[in-house]
Amino acid sequence: MLRPTATSVFPEDNYILRIVFDNGETKRFDVKPYIQGEWYGKLADKQYFRAVRTDGFTVVWPEGQDLCPDEIYDLGISVNRLQLA
């Protein structure tokens, strides 16, 4: 079975992404552990962090930072649709 792909992403407070996948699941993913070093450290800028988009496969930022699609799906926390209200 193919891994679900990210269809939309919504940046939330505290460096959390809410990601909707093509299988209908929504998950929250904590990006804080990845924000280190010169390359991923750029994500610490909240305005830049909020520039996240999907590329039809995973989540990406304007300068090319991305996250492994397997990680965001496997390590993301499932969101109950009622919690989104």
N, C-alpha and C. Protein backbone atom coordinates (compact mmCIF):
# COMPACT_ATOMS: atom_id res chain seq x y z
N MET A 1 0.84 -1.18 0.00
CA MET A 1 0.00 0.00 0.00
C MET A 1 0.89 1.24 0.00
N LEU A 2 0.52 2.23 -0.77
CA LEU A 2 1.28 3.47 -0.83
C LEU A 2 1.03 4.31 0.41
N ARG A 3 2.07 5.00 0.83
CA ARG A 3 1.96 5.91 1.97
C ARG A 3 1.06 7.08 1.58
N PRO A 4 0.13 7.48 2.46
CA PRO A 4 -0.68 8.66 2.16
C PRO A 4 0.19 9.89 1.95
N THR A 5 -0.27 10.79 1.10
CA THR A 5 0.48 12.00 0.83
C THR A 5 -0.24 13.21 1.41
N ALA A 6 0.53 14.25 1.73
CA ALA A 6 -0.01 15.47 2.30
C ALA A 6 -0.72 16.28 1.21
N THR A 7 -1.98 16.63 1.47
CA THR A 7 -2.72 17.43 0.50
C THR A 7 -2.87 18.88 0.94
N SER A 8 -2.84 19.11 2.25
CA SER A 8 -2.86 20.49 2.75
C SER A 8 -2.20 20.53 4.11
N VAL A 9 -1.71 21.72 4.45
CA VAL A 9 -1.00 21.89 5.72
C VAL A 9 -1.37 23.25 6.30
N PHE A 10 -1.53 23.26 7.62
CA PHE A 10 -1.90 24.48 8.34
C PHE A 10 -0.93 24.66 9.50
N PRO A 11 -0.13 25.71 9.49
CA PRO A 11 0.78 25.95 10.61
C PRO A 11 -0.02 26.41 11.82
N GLU A 12 0.33 25.88 12.99
CA GLU A 12 -0.32 26.26 14.23
C GLU A 12 0.71 26.85 15.18
N ASP A 13 0.27 27.30 16.33
CA ASP A 13 1.19 27.85 17.32
C ASP A 13 2.18 26.79 17.80
N ASN A 14 3.29 27.26 18.32
CA ASN A 14 4.29 26.39 18.95
C ASN A 14 4.94 25.41 17.97
N TYR A 15 5.04 25.81 16.70
CA TYR A 15 5.72 25.02 15.66
C TYR A 15 5.08 23.65 15.42
N ILE A 16 3.76 23.66 15.44
CA ILE A 16 2.98 22.46 15.13
C ILE A 16 2.37 22.64 13.75
N LEU A 17 2.38 21.57 12.97
CA LEU A 17 1.70 21.56 11.68
C LEU A 17 0.48 20.65 11.78
N ARG A 18 -0.64 21.10 11.25
CA ARG A 18 -1.82 20.24 11.08
C ARG A 18 -1.84 19.87 9.62
N ILE A 19 -1.73 18.58 9.34
CA ILE A 19 -1.56 18.09 7.97
C ILE A 19 -2.74 17.19 7.61
N VAL A 20 -3.34 17.46 6.46
CA VAL A 20 -4.42 16.63 5.93
C VAL A 20 -3.81 15.75 4.84
N PHE A 21 -4.11 14.46 4.90
CA PHE A 21 -3.58 13.49 3.95
C PHE A 21 -4.65 13.06 2.96
N ASP A 22 -4.21 12.51 1.84
CA ASP A 22 -5.14 12.12 0.78
C ASP A 22 -6.06 10.96 1.15
N ASN A 23 -5.82 10.31 2.27
CA ASN A 23 -6.71 9.24 2.74
C ASN A 23 -7.77 9.79 3.69
N GLY A 24 -7.81 11.12 3.88
CA GLY A 24 -8.81 11.75 4.73
C GLY A 24 -8.36 11.96 6.16
N GLU A 25 -7.22 11.40 6.54
CA GLU A 25 -6.73 11.57 7.91
C GLU A 25 -6.12 12.96 8.10
N THR A 26 -6.25 13.46 9.32
CA THR A 26 -5.61 14.70 9.71
C THR A 26 -4.72 14.40 10.89
N LYS A 27 -3.48 14.90 10.85
CA LYS A 27 -2.54 14.66 11.93
C LYS A 27 -1.84 15.96 12.29
N ARG A 28 -1.42 16.03 13.54
CA ARG A 28 -0.59 17.15 14.00
C ARG A 28 0.83 16.63 14.14
N PHE A 29 1.78 17.46 13.71
CA PHE A 29 3.19 17.07 13.73
C PHE A 29 4.00 18.20 14.37
N ASP A 30 4.78 17.85 15.38
CA ASP A 30 5.62 18.80 16.10
C ASP A 30 6.95 18.96 15.37
N VAL A 31 7.21 20.15 14.87
CA VAL A 31 8.43 20.41 14.10
C VAL A 31 9.60 20.85 15.00
N LYS A 32 9.33 21.20 16.26
CA LYS A 32 10.38 21.74 17.14
C LYS A 32 11.67 20.90 17.16
N PRO A 33 11.61 19.58 17.24
CA PRO A 33 12.86 18.81 17.28
C PRO A 33 13.73 18.96 16.03
N TYR A 34 13.15 19.40 14.94
CA TYR A 34 13.87 19.53 13.67
C TYR A 34 14.50 20.91 13.50
N ILE A 35 14.10 21.86 14.33
CA ILE A 35 14.56 23.24 14.17
C ILE A 35 15.93 23.39 14.84
N GLN A 36 16.95 23.07 14.08
CA GLN A 36 18.32 23.18 14.55
C GLN A 36 19.25 23.26 13.35
N GLY A 37 20.43 23.75 13.59
CA GLY A 37 21.40 23.88 12.51
C GLY A 37 21.06 25.04 11.60
N GLU A 38 21.94 25.27 10.65
CA GLU A 38 21.78 26.41 9.75
C GLU A 38 20.58 26.25 8.82
N TRP A 39 20.39 25.05 8.27
CA TRP A 39 19.34 24.82 7.27
C TRP A 39 17.95 24.81 7.89
N TYR A 40 17.70 23.92 8.84
CA TYR A 40 16.38 23.83 9.46
C TYR A 40 16.17 24.87 10.54
N GLY A 41 17.24 25.50 11.00
CA GLY A 41 17.12 26.57 11.97
C GLY A 41 16.33 27.75 11.44
N LYS A 42 16.26 27.88 10.13
CA LYS A 42 15.47 28.96 9.53
C LYS A 42 13.99 28.85 9.89
N LEU A 43 13.54 27.65 10.23
CA LEU A 43 12.14 27.44 10.59
C LEU A 43 11.79 28.09 11.92
N ALA A 44 12.78 28.49 12.70
CA ALA A 44 12.53 29.17 13.98
C ALA A 44 11.88 30.53 13.77
N ASP A 45 12.10 31.13 12.62
CA ASP A 45 11.45 32.40 12.28
C ASP A 45 9.97 32.08 12.04
N LYS A 46 9.11 32.60 12.91
CA LYS A 46 7.69 32.23 12.84
C LYS A 46 7.04 32.60 11.52
N GLN A 47 7.42 33.71 10.94
CA GLN A 47 6.86 34.10 9.65
C GLN A 47 7.28 33.09 8.57
N TYR A 48 8.54 32.70 8.59
CA TYR A 48 9.03 31.71 7.62
C TYR A 48 8.35 30.35 7.87
N PHE A 49 8.22 29.95 9.14
CA PHE A 49 7.56 28.68 9.47
C PHE A 49 6.16 28.64 8.87
N ARG A 50 5.46 29.76 8.92
CA ARG A 50 4.08 29.83 8.43
C ARG A 50 4.00 29.81 6.90
N ALA A 51 5.13 29.88 6.22
CA ALA A 51 5.15 29.83 4.75
C ALA A 51 5.13 28.39 4.23
N VAL A 52 4.90 27.42 5.08
CA VAL A 52 4.89 26.01 4.70
C VAL A 52 3.77 25.75 3.69
N ARG A 53 4.04 24.84 2.78
CA ARG A 53 3.08 24.42 1.75
C ARG A 53 3.25 22.91 1.52
N THR A 54 2.34 22.34 0.75
CA THR A 54 2.53 20.96 0.31
C THR A 54 3.00 20.98 -1.14
N ASP A 55 3.69 19.93 -1.51
CA ASP A 55 4.15 19.80 -2.90
C ASP A 55 3.46 18.62 -3.58
N GLY A 56 2.36 18.16 -2.99
CA GLY A 56 1.65 17.00 -3.52
C GLY A 56 2.19 15.69 -2.97
N PHE A 57 3.17 15.79 -2.09
CA PHE A 57 3.80 14.61 -1.52
C PHE A 57 4.06 14.78 -0.03
N THR A 58 4.70 15.89 0.31
CA THR A 58 5.06 16.18 1.70
C THR A 58 4.91 17.67 1.95
N VAL A 59 5.46 18.15 3.08
CA VAL A 59 5.41 19.58 3.39
C VAL A 59 6.77 20.20 3.10
N VAL A 60 6.75 21.42 2.56
CA VAL A 60 7.97 22.09 2.13
C VAL A 60 7.90 23.58 2.48
N TRP A 61 9.08 24.21 2.58
CA TRP A 61 9.19 25.64 2.79
C TRP A 61 9.86 26.27 1.58
N PRO A 62 9.76 27.60 1.45
CA PRO A 62 10.22 28.28 0.24
C PRO A 62 11.67 28.03 -0.17
N GLU A 63 12.57 27.85 0.78
CA GLU A 63 13.97 27.65 0.43
C GLU A 63 14.35 26.18 0.27
N GLY A 64 13.36 25.28 0.35
CA GLY A 64 13.62 23.87 0.08
C GLY A 64 13.62 22.95 1.28
N GLN A 65 13.50 23.48 2.47
CA GLN A 65 13.40 22.60 3.63
C GLN A 65 12.14 21.75 3.48
N ASP A 66 12.25 20.50 3.85
CA ASP A 66 11.10 19.61 3.80
C ASP A 66 11.21 18.59 4.91
N LEU A 67 10.15 17.84 5.11
CA LEU A 67 10.14 16.78 6.11
C LEU A 67 9.80 15.46 5.42
N CYS A 68 10.42 14.41 5.88
CA CYS A 68 10.20 13.08 5.32
C CYS A 68 8.71 12.72 5.41
N PRO A 69 8.09 12.38 4.29
CA PRO A 69 6.66 12.07 4.31
C PRO A 69 6.32 10.89 5.21
N ASP A 70 7.21 9.91 5.31
CA ASP A 70 6.96 8.78 6.21
C ASP A 70 6.94 9.24 7.66
N GLU A 71 7.85 10.14 8.02
CA GLU A 71 7.89 10.64 9.40
C GLU A 71 6.65 11.43 9.76
N ILE A 72 6.24 12.34 8.88
CA ILE A 72 5.08 13.16 9.25
C ILE A 72 3.82 12.30 9.37
N TYR A 73 3.74 11.24 8.60
CA TYR A 73 2.57 10.37 8.70
C TYR A 73 2.69 9.44 9.91
N ASP A 74 3.83 8.76 10.04
CA ASP A 74 3.98 7.77 11.11
C ASP A 74 4.07 8.39 12.50
N LEU A 75 4.72 9.55 12.61
CA LEU A 75 4.92 10.17 13.91
C LEU A 75 3.88 11.24 14.23
N GLY A 76 3.07 11.60 13.25
CA GLY A 76 2.02 12.58 13.50
C GLY A 76 0.95 12.02 14.42
N ILE A 77 0.35 12.91 15.19
CA ILE A 77 -0.70 12.52 16.13
C ILE A 77 -2.05 12.71 15.44
N SER A 78 -2.83 11.64 15.39
CA SER A 78 -4.15 11.72 14.74
C SER A 78 -5.02 12.74 15.44
N VAL A 79 -5.77 13.47 14.64
CA VAL A 79 -6.64 14.51 15.14
C VAL A 79 -8.09 14.07 14.97
N ASN A 80 -8.82 14.12 16.05
CA ASN A 80 -10.25 13.85 16.00
C ASN A 80 -10.90 15.08 15.38
N ARG A 81 -11.73 14.90 14.40
CA ARG A 81 -12.36 16.04 13.72
C ARG A 81 -13.09 16.96 14.68
N LEU A 82 -13.60 16.44 15.79
CA LEU A 82 -14.29 17.29 16.77
C LEU A 82 -13.32 18.23 17.46
N GLN A 83 -12.04 17.86 17.55
CA GLN A 83 -11.05 18.69 18.20
C GLN A 83 -10.72 19.92 17.35
N LEU A 84 -11.04 19.90 16.08
CA LEU A 84 -10.71 21.01 15.18
C LEU A 84 -11.69 22.16 15.32
N ALA A 85 -12.84 21.93 15.88
CA ALA A 85 -13.86 22.98 15.99
C ALA A 85 -13.47 24.05 17.00
